[in-house]
Amino acid sequence: MMGDEAIMKKRKPQAEQAAKIAKTSEKTELDARLEAMIGAKLRRYYDDLLSEPVPDRFMDLLLQLDAKERQRDDETGNAA
């Protein structure tokens, strides 16, 4: 039969492992809540940003890029 000391030595690592699992579980729950909160804030920020008009300078650059691509396609015979 095992003595009390042997039983306690066997249970201690099990208790430590259970405590680590509980800590990890709490951390995972906290991490999930934190990720959800950060995600919601980022979505609100980027939704606002996407609703803003594109600056004229960017539109000019995009139009120039489109024109160069069309010119290149015309020269090579590729249609977009």
Foldseek 3Di string as FASTA:
>chain_A
DDDPVVVCVVVVVVVVVVVVVVVVVVVVVVVVVVVVVVVVVVVVVVVVVVVDDDDPVVVVVVVVVVVVVVVVCVVVVHDD
